[in-house]
């Protein structure tokens, strides 16, 4: 893996993690019926944030497990983006965008 590619992958994974934490936090602050509708989104956001951070850490340390985690990261980012795209909140739109960018970069790196 080249340093520029690694840095871009790490940056996009961390950007996705932050977007997911932000999205989950906004969803958790919501009350009423809408909060129930956002349950799946919050669950995916939390899992996605964790997987993205772990992927960034493994890439940064040149771990032999990095490519495996990139595949997991692609999967959770795509699931999370699809869920966020169902909602009309700005934080969901930003999260979906960050997830798609992360998945695409991981796909390039894992190839």
C-alpha atoms as a PDB file:
ATOM      1  CA  UNK A   1       0.000   0.000   0.000  1.00  0.00           C
ATOM      2  CA  UNK A   2       1.306   3.405  -0.910  1.00  0.00           C
ATOM      3  CA  UNK A   3       1.455   6.143   1.712  1.00  0.00           C
ATOM      4  CA  UNK A   4      -0.877   8.533  -0.178  1.00  0.00           C
ATOM      5  CA  UNK A   5      -3.464   5.775  -0.664  1.00  0.00           C
ATOM      6  CA  UNK A   6      -3.163   4.738   2.976  1.00  0.00           C
ATOM      7  CA  UNK A   7      -3.580   8.304   4.212  1.00  0.00           C
ATOM      8  CA  UNK A   8      -6.658   8.817   2.056  1.00  0.00           C
ATOM      9  CA  UNK A   9      -8.187   5.555   3.288  1.00  0.00           C
ATOM     10  CA  UNK A  10      -7.455   6.421   6.915  1.00  0.00           C
ATOM     11  CA  UNK A  11      -8.851   9.940   6.488  1.00  0.00           C
ATOM     12  CA  UNK A  12     -12.069   8.707   4.870  1.00  0.00           C
ATOM     13  CA  UNK A  13     -12.550   5.988   7.495  1.00  0.00           C
ATOM     14  CA  UNK A  14     -12.175   8.539  10.279  1.00  0.00           C
ATOM     15  CA  UNK A  15     -14.435  11.028   8.520  1.00  0.00           C
ATOM     16  CA  UNK A  16     -17.062   8.299   8.234  1.00  0.00           C
ATOM     17  CA  UNK A  17     -16.676   7.373  11.904  1.00  0.00           C
ATOM     18  CA  UNK A  18     -17.200  10.995  12.946  1.00  0.00           C
ATOM     19  CA  UNK A  19     -20.213  11.382  10.643  1.00  0.00           C
ATOM     20  CA  UNK A  20     -21.724   8.207  12.086  1.00  0.00           C
ATOM     21  CA  UNK A  21     -21.216   9.368  15.686  1.00  0.00           C
ATOM     22  CA  UNK A  22     -22.763  12.726  14.793  1.00  0.00           C
ATOM     23  CA  UNK A  23     -25.725  11.061  13.079  1.00  0.00           C
ATOM     24  CA  UNK A  24     -26.357   8.675  15.986  1.00  0.00           C
ATOM     25  CA  UNK A  25     -26.148  11.512  18.497  1.00  0.00           C
ATOM     26  CA  UNK A  26     -28.718  13.573  16.604  1.00  0.00           C
ATOM     27  CA  UNK A  27     -31.004  10.576  16.259  1.00  0.00           C
ATOM     28  CA  UNK A  28     -30.750   9.784  19.977  1.00  0.00           C
ATOM     29  CA  UNK A  29     -31.653  13.371  20.891  1.00  0.00           C
ATOM     30  CA  UNK A  30     -34.848  13.075  18.876  1.00  0.00           C
ATOM     31  CA  UNK A  31     -37.951  12.254  20.865  1.00  0.00           C
ATOM     32  CA  UNK A  32     -41.356  10.874  20.118  1.00  0.00           C
ATOM     33  CA  UNK A  33     -42.388   8.629  17.243  1.00  0.00           C
ATOM     34  CA  UNK A  34     -39.467   9.681  15.073  1.00  0.00           C
ATOM     35  CA  UNK A  35     -37.028   8.243  17.637  1.00  0.00           C
ATOM     36  CA  UNK A  36     -38.528   4.783  17.163  1.00  0.00           C
ATOM     37  CA  UNK A  37     -38.134   5.076  13.398  1.00  0.00           C
ATOM     38  CA  UNK A  38     -34.452   5.942  13.836  1.00  0.00           C
ATOM     39  CA  UNK A  39     -33.547   2.913  15.958  1.00  0.00           C
ATOM     40  CA  UNK A  40     -32.033   0.929  13.061  1.00  0.00           C
ATOM     41  CA  UNK A  41     -30.115   4.001  11.917  1.00  0.00           C
ATOM     42  CA  UNK A  42     -28.563   4.491  15.359  1.00  0.00           C
ATOM     43  CA  UNK A  43     -27.598   0.818  15.630  1.00  0.00           C
ATOM     44  CA  UNK A  44     -25.879   0.886  12.253  1.00  0.00           C
ATOM     45  CA  UNK A  45     -24.228   4.259  12.971  1.00  0.00           C
ATOM     46  CA  UNK A  46     -22.645   2.926  16.147  1.00  0.00           C
ATOM     47  CA  UNK A  47     -21.406  -0.270  14.511  1.00  0.00           C
ATOM     48  CA  UNK A  48     -20.167   1.596  11.470  1.00  0.00           C
ATOM     49  CA  UNK A  49     -18.243   4.134  13.551  1.00  0.00           C
ATOM     50  CA  UNK A  50     -16.474   1.351  15.430  1.00  0.00           C
ATOM     51  CA  UNK A  51     -15.600  -0.608  12.289  1.00  0.00           C
ATOM     52  CA  UNK A  52     -14.348   2.526  10.511  1.00  0.00           C
ATOM     53  CA  UNK A  53     -12.059   3.463  13.413  1.00  0.00           C
ATOM     54  CA  UNK A  54     -10.688  -0.062  13.678  1.00  0.00           C
ATOM     55  CA  UNK A  55     -10.105  -0.178   9.925  1.00  0.00           C
ATOM     56  CA  UNK A  56      -8.204   3.133  10.062  1.00  0.00           C
ATOM     57  CA  UNK A  57      -6.048   1.836  12.907  1.00  0.00           C
ATOM     58  CA  UNK A  58      -5.215  -1.408  11.113  1.00  0.00           C
ATOM     59  CA  UNK A  59      -4.353   0.394   7.883  1.00  0.00           C
ATOM     60  CA  UNK A  60      -2.156   2.850   9.802  1.00  0.00           C
ATOM     61  CA  UNK A  61      -0.148   0.051  11.383  1.00  0.00           C
ATOM     62  CA  UNK A  62       0.148  -1.946   8.138  1.00  0.00           C
ATOM     63  CA  UNK A  63      -1.660  -4.853   9.753  1.00  0.00           C
ATOM     64  CA  UNK A  64      -2.007  -8.106   7.873  1.00  0.00           C
ATOM     65  CA  UNK A  65      -5.695  -7.925   8.848  1.00  0.00           C
ATOM     66  CA  UNK A  66      -6.296  -4.525   7.234  1.00  0.00           C
ATOM     67  CA  UNK A  67      -7.682  -5.883   3.961  1.00  0.00           C
ATOM     68  CA  UNK A  68     -10.070  -8.178   5.805  1.00  0.00           C
ATOM     69  CA  UNK A  69     -11.346  -5.245   7.879  1.00  0.00           C
ATOM     70  CA  UNK A  70     -11.684  -3.108   4.761  1.00  0.00           C
ATOM     71  CA  UNK A  71     -14.139  -5.679   3.426  1.00  0.00           C
ATOM     72  CA  UNK A  72     -16.124  -5.481   6.669  1.00  0.00           C
ATOM     73  CA  UNK A  73     -15.936  -1.691   6.488  1.00  0.00           C
ATOM     74  CA  UNK A  74     -17.319  -1.708   2.941  1.00  0.00           C
ATOM     75  CA  UNK A  75     -20.236  -3.873   4.038  1.00  0.00           C
ATOM     76  CA  UNK A  76     -21.213  -1.830   7.102  1.00  0.00           C
ATOM     77  CA  UNK A  77     -20.705   1.500   5.316  1.00  0.00           C
ATOM     78  CA  UNK A  78     -22.982   0.424   2.475  1.00  0.00           C
ATOM     79  CA  UNK A  79     -25.666  -0.807   4.886  1.00  0.00           C
ATOM     80  CA  UNK A  80     -25.458   2.373   6.927  1.00  0.00           C
ATOM     81  CA  UNK A  81     -25.535   4.631   3.871  1.00  0.00           C
ATOM     82  CA  UNK A  82     -28.618   2.827   2.563  1.00  0.00           C
ATOM     83  CA  UNK A  83     -30.360   3.277   5.914  1.00  0.00           C
ATOM     84  CA  UNK A  84     -29.387   6.942   6.242  1.00  0.00           C
ATOM     85  CA  UNK A  85     -30.598   7.624   2.708  1.00  0.00           C
ATOM     86  CA  UNK A  86     -34.104   6.635   3.827  1.00  0.00           C
ATOM     87  CA  UNK A  87     -34.233   9.678   6.109  1.00  0.00           C
ATOM     88  CA  UNK A  88     -34.520  13.325   5.164  1.00  0.00           C
ATOM     89  CA  UNK A  89     -32.333  14.739   7.942  1.00  0.00           C
ATOM     90  CA  UNK A  90     -29.245  16.701   6.919  1.00  0.00           C
ATOM     91  CA  UNK A  91     -27.054  14.699   9.315  1.00  0.00           C
ATOM     92  CA  UNK A  92     -28.272  11.471   7.692  1.00  0.00           C
ATOM     93  CA  UNK A  93     -27.456  12.801   4.233  1.00  0.00           C
ATOM     94  CA  UNK A  94     -23.946  13.800   5.343  1.00  0.00           C
ATOM     95  CA  UNK A  95     -23.442  10.431   7.015  1.00  0.00           C
ATOM     96  CA  UNK A  96     -24.532   8.530   3.911  1.00  0.00           C
ATOM     97  CA  UNK A  97     -22.129  10.578   1.804  1.00  0.00           C
ATOM     98  CA  UNK A  98     -19.217   9.904   4.175  1.00  0.00           C
ATOM     99  CA  UNK A  99     -20.069   6.196   4.306  1.00  0.00           C
ATOM    100  CA  UNK A 100     -20.175   5.909   0.516  1.00  0.00           C
ATOM    101  CA  UNK A 101     -16.796   7.661   0.193  1.00  0.00           C
ATOM    102  CA  UNK A 102     -15.252   5.382   2.818  1.00  0.00           C
ATOM    103  CA  UNK A 103     -16.643   2.244   1.187  1.00  0.00           C
ATOM    104  CA  UNK A 104     -15.332   3.299  -2.214  1.00  0.00           C
ATOM    105  CA  UNK A 105     -11.833   3.992  -0.902  1.00  0.00           C
ATOM    106  CA  UNK A 106     -11.741   0.718   1.039  1.00  0.00           C
ATOM    107  CA  UNK A 107     -12.882  -1.083  -2.116  1.00  0.00           C
ATOM    108  CA  UNK A 108      -9.923   0.401  -4.034  1.00  0.00           C
ATOM    109  CA  UNK A 109      -7.466  -0.466  -1.280  1.00  0.00           C
ATOM    110  CA  UNK A 110      -8.736  -4.005  -0.731  1.00  0.00           C
ATOM    111  CA  UNK A 111      -8.510  -4.892  -4.439  1.00  0.00           C
END
